[in-house]
Amino acid sequence: MVPVQTNEDLQPVIRGTHRGQSNFIVDVIGYGDVSGYFNLFNEIGRFKGEILADEEMPAGDYLVWVQADGAWTLTFSP
């Protein structure tokens, strides 16, 4: 898990890539004073794509959980 902090509410575009052969699952989980859970990606094999978060993410701390069997990247853009 990787900690992430946002200083303001936002509805980001999330871009992801995966170079593995198996599952690529990415979840964002509220941490501390922030509650909630967002599933961003659930793909199999090589992947390159982007999504707009379904909901506005409140400002605060999050954990990003990634399951992947190969190299991966994530970027969040407001």
Protein backbone atom coordinates (compact mmCIF):
# COMPACT_ATOMS: atom_id res chain seq x y z
CA MET A 1 0.00 0.00 0.00
CA VAL A 2 1.10 3.51 -0.78
CA PRO A 3 -0.12 6.56 1.21
CA VAL A 4 -1.58 9.47 -0.78
CA GLN A 5 -2.81 12.82 0.54
CA THR A 6 -5.13 15.32 -1.12
CA ASN A 7 -5.38 18.91 0.15
CA GLU A 8 -8.73 19.63 -1.47
CA ASP A 9 -11.79 17.74 -2.65
CA LEU A 10 -11.29 16.53 -6.20
CA GLN A 11 -12.67 14.24 -8.87
CA PRO A 12 -9.44 13.14 -10.54
CA VAL A 13 -8.70 11.42 -13.81
CA ILE A 14 -6.64 8.32 -13.01
CA ARG A 15 -4.34 6.82 -15.63
CA GLY A 16 -2.90 3.36 -15.19
CA THR A 17 -0.69 0.91 -17.02
CA HIS A 18 0.15 -2.71 -16.31
CA ARG A 19 2.67 -4.90 -18.14
CA GLY A 20 1.86 -8.17 -16.39
CA GLN A 21 -0.14 -11.19 -17.48
CA SER A 22 -2.48 -11.61 -14.51
CA ASN A 23 -4.75 -9.37 -12.41
CA PHE A 24 -4.25 -5.62 -12.17
CA ILE A 25 -6.45 -4.39 -9.34
CA VAL A 26 -6.21 -0.88 -7.88
CA ASP A 27 -8.23 0.29 -4.88
CA VAL A 28 -8.15 3.60 -3.02
CA ILE A 29 -9.11 3.34 0.64
CA GLY A 30 -9.87 6.25 2.98
CA TYR A 31 -7.45 6.52 5.90
CA GLY A 32 -7.60 8.39 9.20
CA ASP A 33 -10.46 10.88 9.11
CA VAL A 34 -11.49 9.91 5.57
CA SER A 35 -13.76 6.94 5.00
CA GLY A 36 -14.73 5.25 1.79
CA TYR A 37 -13.42 2.89 -0.82
CA PHE A 38 -12.98 3.32 -4.58
CA ASN A 39 -12.15 0.49 -7.00
CA LEU A 40 -10.25 2.15 -9.84
CA PHE A 41 -9.13 -0.75 -12.02
CA ASN A 42 -9.86 -4.48 -12.17
CA GLU A 43 -8.26 -5.79 -15.37
CA ILE A 44 -6.45 -8.92 -16.55
CA GLY A 45 -3.21 -8.83 -18.54
CA ARG A 46 -1.56 -5.87 -20.22
CA PHE A 47 -3.51 -2.68 -19.74
CA LYS A 48 -3.32 1.02 -20.52
CA GLY A 49 -6.27 3.25 -19.75
CA GLU A 50 -7.85 6.01 -17.74
CA ILE A 51 -11.01 6.70 -15.79
CA LEU A 52 -12.71 9.66 -14.16
CA ALA A 53 -13.35 8.94 -10.47
CA ASP A 54 -17.04 8.10 -10.01
CA GLU A 55 -17.35 10.49 -7.10
CA GLU A 56 -15.55 13.47 -5.69
CA MET A 57 -12.83 12.32 -3.31
CA PRO A 58 -12.83 14.34 -0.08
CA ALA A 59 -9.58 16.02 0.96
CA GLY A 60 -7.52 13.83 3.27
CA ASP A 61 -5.36 10.74 3.47
CA TYR A 62 -5.80 7.59 1.39
CA LEU A 63 -4.06 4.27 0.92
CA VAL A 64 -3.63 2.96 -2.62
CA TRP A 65 -3.64 -0.84 -2.81
CA VAL A 66 -2.27 -2.42 -6.01
CA GLN A 67 -2.30 -6.08 -7.00
CA ALA A 68 -0.13 -6.66 -10.08
CA ASP A 69 2.29 -9.26 -11.40
CA GLY A 70 4.29 -6.89 -13.59
CA ALA A 71 5.44 -3.30 -13.86
CA TRP A 72 2.67 -0.74 -13.32
CA THR A 73 2.13 3.01 -13.17
CA LEU A 74 -0.58 5.29 -11.77
CA THR A 75 -1.08 9.02 -12.18
CA PHE A 76 -3.79 11.19 -10.66
CA SER A 77 -4.68 14.48 -12.40
CA PRO A 78 -7.18 16.96 -10.92
